[in-house]
Amino acid sequence: MKNFYPIMVDLYGRCVVVIGGGKVAERKVKGLQEARANITVIVP
C-alpha cells in the first residue's frame, strides 16, 4: 500500500500548529505564512 502525504489545501485563515523548531519548522512556517494561515508554533 502506498502512503501519500503531499496535498493541496486552502489554509487561508485556518488554524495550524507546527510542533518543533529548527530549520525544518522554519521552512514550514514560511510556507504557511504564504498561505495566510493562523500559525501556532510549539517548541520545547
PDB file of N, CA and C in Angstrom:
ATOM      1  N   MET A   1       0.837  -1.169   0.000  1.00  0.00           N
ATOM      2  CA  MET A   1       0.000   0.000   0.000  1.00  0.00           C
ATOM      3  C   MET A   1       0.892   1.245   0.000  1.00  0.00           C
ATOM      4  N   LYS A   2       0.587   2.201  -0.859  1.00  0.00           N
ATOM      5  CA  LYS A   2       1.354   3.432  -0.912  1.00  0.00           C
ATOM      6  C   LYS A   2       0.819   4.416   0.133  1.00  0.00           C
ATOM      7  N   ASN A   3       1.728   5.164   0.717  1.00  0.00           N
ATOM      8  CA  ASN A   3       1.346   6.208   1.659  1.00  0.00           C
ATOM      9  C   ASN A   3       1.564   7.553   0.988  1.00  0.00           C
ATOM     10  N   PHE A   4       0.508   8.345   0.864  1.00  0.00           N
ATOM     11  CA  PHE A   4       0.598   9.647   0.227  1.00  0.00           C
ATOM     12  C   PHE A   4       0.574  10.737   1.277  1.00  0.00           C
ATOM     13  N   TYR A   5       1.370  11.790   1.076  1.00  0.00           N
ATOM     14  CA  TYR A   5       1.389  12.909   2.011  1.00  0.00           C
ATOM     15  C   TYR A   5       1.076  14.251   1.361  1.00  0.00           C
ATOM     16  N   PRO A   6       1.768  14.637   0.293  1.00  0.00           N
ATOM     17  CA  PRO A   6       1.552  15.968  -0.278  1.00  0.00           C
ATOM     18  C   PRO A   6       0.097  16.183  -0.702  1.00  0.00           C
ATOM     19  N   ILE A   7      -0.461  17.292  -0.210  1.00  0.00           N
ATOM     20  CA  ILE A   7      -1.845  17.639  -0.544  1.00  0.00           C
ATOM     21  C   ILE A   7      -1.938  19.134  -0.831  1.00  0.00           C
ATOM     22  N   MET A   8      -2.966  19.531  -1.513  1.00  0.00           N
ATOM     23  CA  MET A   8      -3.228  20.941  -1.779  1.00  0.00           C
ATOM     24  C   MET A   8      -4.469  21.317  -0.967  1.00  0.00           C
ATOM     25  N   VAL A   9      -4.281  22.203   0.003  1.00  0.00           N
ATOM     26  CA  VAL A   9      -5.364  22.600   0.885  1.00  0.00           C
ATOM     27  C   VAL A   9      -5.369  24.116   0.998  1.00  0.00           C
ATOM     28  N   ASP A  10      -6.548  24.717   0.943  1.00  0.00           N
ATOM     29  CA  ASP A  10      -6.677  26.154   1.154  1.00  0.00           C
ATOM     30  C   ASP A  10      -6.603  26.415   2.655  1.00  0.00           C
ATOM     31  N   LEU A  11      -5.488  26.980   3.125  1.00  0.00           N
ATOM     32  CA  LEU A  11      -5.291  27.221   4.549  1.00  0.00           C
ATOM     33  C   LEU A  11      -5.562  28.663   4.949  1.00  0.00           C
ATOM     34  N   TYR A  12      -6.062  29.461   4.035  1.00  0.00           N
ATOM     35  CA  TYR A  12      -6.327  30.868   4.334  1.00  0.00           C
ATOM     36  C   TYR A  12      -7.234  30.987   5.564  1.00  0.00           C
ATOM     37  N   GLY A  13      -6.707  31.631   6.628  1.00  0.00           N
ATOM     38  CA  GLY A  13      -7.479  31.844   7.839  1.00  0.00           C
ATOM     39  C   GLY A  13      -7.640  30.631   8.733  1.00  0.00           C
ATOM     40  N   ARG A  14      -7.070  29.502   8.358  1.00  0.00           N
ATOM     41  CA  ARG A  14      -7.190  28.277   9.160  1.00  0.00           C
ATOM     42  C   ARG A  14      -6.145  28.261  10.269  1.00  0.00           C
ATOM     43  N   CYS A  15      -6.481  27.648  11.394  1.00  0.00           N
ATOM     44  CA  CYS A  15      -5.534  27.483  12.496  1.00  0.00           C
ATOM     45  C   CYS A  15      -4.662  26.268  12.204  1.00  0.00           C
ATOM     46  N   VAL A  16      -3.347  26.480  12.297  1.00  0.00           N
ATOM     47  CA  VAL A  16      -2.387  25.421  12.020  1.00  0.00           C
ATOM     48  C   VAL A  16      -1.363  25.389  13.148  1.00  0.00           C
ATOM     49  N   VAL A  17      -0.988  24.204  13.590  1.00  0.00           N
ATOM     50  CA  VAL A  17       0.005  24.061  14.655  1.00  0.00           C
ATOM     51  C   VAL A  17       1.248  23.403  14.076  1.00  0.00           C
ATOM     52  N   VAL A  18       2.407  24.014  14.351  1.00  0.00           N
ATOM     53  CA  VAL A  18       3.697  23.434  13.991  1.00  0.00           C
ATOM     54  C   VAL A  18       4.370  23.068  15.302  1.00  0.00           C
ATOM     55  N   ILE A  19       4.706  21.802  15.463  1.00  0.00           N
ATOM     56  CA  ILE A  19       5.336  21.333  16.692  1.00  0.00           C
ATOM     57  C   ILE A  19       6.800  21.066  16.417  1.00  0.00           C
ATOM     58  N   GLY A  20       7.660  21.757  17.166  1.00  0.00           N
ATOM     59  CA  GLY A  20       9.100  21.612  16.998  1.00  0.00           C
ATOM     60  C   GLY A  20       9.708  22.880  16.436  1.00  0.00           C
ATOM     61  N   GLY A  21      11.013  22.899  16.394  1.00  0.00           N
ATOM     62  CA  GLY A  21      11.715  24.082  15.910  1.00  0.00           C
ATOM     63  C   GLY A  21      12.774  23.689  14.898  1.00  0.00           C
ATOM     64  N   GLY A  22      13.697  24.579  14.695  1.00  0.00           N
ATOM     65  CA  GLY A  22      14.790  24.303  13.775  1.00  0.00           C
ATOM     66  C   GLY A  22      14.482  24.724  12.361  1.00  0.00           C
ATOM     67  N   LYS A  23      15.374  24.346  11.470  1.00  0.00           N
ATOM     68  CA  LYS A  23      15.275  24.770  10.073  1.00  0.00           C
ATOM     69  C   LYS A  23      14.065  24.177   9.366  1.00  0.00           C
ATOM     70  N   VAL A  24      13.705  22.956   9.689  1.00  0.00           N
ATOM     71  CA  VAL A  24      12.548  22.329   9.038  1.00  0.00           C
ATOM     72  C   VAL A  24      11.274  23.060   9.437  1.00  0.00           C
ATOM     73  N   ALA A  25      11.109  23.327  10.722  1.00  0.00           N
ATOM     74  CA  ALA A  25       9.928  24.049  11.189  1.00  0.00           C
ATOM     75  C   ALA A  25       9.890  25.454  10.594  1.00  0.00           C
ATOM     76  N   GLU A  26      11.035  26.105  10.520  1.00  0.00           N
ATOM     77  CA  GLU A  26      11.105  27.446   9.944  1.00  0.00           C
ATOM     78  C   GLU A  26      10.632  27.438   8.492  1.00  0.00           C
ATOM     79  N   ARG A  27      11.065  26.444   7.746  1.00  0.00           N
ATOM     80  CA  ARG A  27      10.661  26.318   6.342  1.00  0.00           C
ATOM     81  C   ARG A  27       9.147  26.099   6.239  1.00  0.00           C
ATOM     82  N   LYS A  28       8.604  25.264   7.133  1.00  0.00           N
ATOM     83  CA  LYS A  28       7.163  25.004   7.103  1.00  0.00           C
ATOM     84  C   LYS A  28       6.370  26.249   7.474  1.00  0.00           C
ATOM     85  N   VAL A  29       6.855  26.991   8.472  1.00  0.00           N
ATOM     86  CA  VAL A  29       6.164  28.211   8.890  1.00  0.00           C
ATOM     87  C   VAL A  29       6.154  29.235   7.758  1.00  0.00           C
ATOM     88  N   LYS A  30       7.252  29.365   7.055  1.00  0.00           N
ATOM     89  CA  LYS A  30       7.305  30.307   5.930  1.00  0.00           C
ATOM     90  C   LYS A  30       6.259  29.955   4.881  1.00  0.00           C
ATOM     91  N   GLY A  31       6.130  28.683   4.575  1.00  0.00           N
ATOM     92  CA  GLY A  31       5.120  28.254   3.607  1.00  0.00           C
ATOM     93  C   GLY A  31       3.712  28.505   4.112  1.00  0.00           C
ATOM     94  N   LEU A  32       3.490  28.286   5.400  1.00  0.00           N
ATOM     95  CA  LEU A  32       2.172  28.526   5.980  1.00  0.00           C
ATOM     96  C   LEU A  32       1.844  30.014   6.012  1.00  0.00           C
ATOM     97  N   GLN A  33       2.863  30.846   6.219  1.00  0.00           N
ATOM     98  CA  GLN A  33       2.652  32.292   6.180  1.00  0.00           C
ATOM     99  C   GLN A  33       2.230  32.726   4.777  1.00  0.00           C
ATOM    100  N   GLU A  34       2.860  32.161   3.779  1.00  0.00           N
ATOM    101  CA  GLU A  34       2.491  32.473   2.393  1.00  0.00           C
ATOM    102  C   GLU A  34       1.057  32.062   2.095  1.00  0.00           C
ATOM    103  N   ALA A  35       0.598  30.990   2.761  1.00  0.00           N
ATOM    104  CA  ALA A  35      -0.771  30.516   2.577  1.00  0.00           C
ATOM    105  C   ALA A  35      -1.759  31.311   3.433  1.00  0.00           C
ATOM    106  N   ARG A  36      -1.250  32.266   4.235  1.00  0.00           N
ATOM    107  CA  ARG A  36      -2.068  33.131   5.095  1.00  0.00           C
ATOM    108  C   ARG A  36      -2.818  32.348   6.167  1.00  0.00           C
ATOM    109  N   ALA A  37      -2.172  31.298   6.712  1.00  0.00           N
ATOM    110  CA  ALA A  37      -2.753  30.515   7.803  1.00  0.00           C
ATOM    111  C   ALA A  37      -2.494  31.225   9.131  1.00  0.00           C
ATOM    112  N   ASN A  38      -3.311  30.923  10.137  1.00  0.00           N
ATOM    113  CA  ASN A  38      -3.078  31.376  11.507  1.00  0.00           C
ATOM    114  C   ASN A  38      -2.216  30.307  12.173  1.00  0.00           C
ATOM    115  N   ILE A  39      -0.969  30.647  12.498  1.00  0.00           N
ATOM    116  CA  ILE A  39       0.020  29.654  12.909  1.00  0.00           C
ATOM    117  C   ILE A  39       0.325  29.744  14.392  1.00  0.00           C
ATOM    118  N   THR A  40       0.364  28.583  15.041  1.00  0.00           N
ATOM    119  CA  THR A  40       0.853  28.459  16.406  1.00  0.00           C
ATOM    120  C   THR A  40       2.039  27.525  16.359  1.00  0.00           C
ATOM    121  N   VAL A  41       3.167  27.961  16.945  1.00  0.00           N
ATOM    122  CA  VAL A  41       4.368  27.133  16.976  1.00  0.00           C
ATOM    123  C   VAL A  41       4.613  26.713  18.409  1.00  0.00           C
ATOM    124  N   ILE A  42       4.811  25.419  18.617  1.00  0.00           N
ATOM    125  CA  ILE A  42       5.103  24.862  19.939  1.00  0.00           C
ATOM    126  C   ILE A  42       6.513  24.294  19.898  1.00  0.00           C
ATOM    127  N   VAL A  43       7.385  24.889  20.723  1.00  0.00           N
ATOM    128  CA  VAL A  43       8.793  24.471  20.762  1.00  0.00           C
ATOM    129  C   VAL A  43       9.158  24.170  22.205  1.00  0.00           C
ATOM    130  N   PRO A  44       9.799  23.026  22.458  1.00  0.00           N
ATOM    131  CA  PRO A  44      10.204  22.730  23.839  1.00  0.00           C
ATOM    132  C   PRO A  44      11.240  23.726  24.358  1.00  0.00           C
TER     133      PRO A  44
END
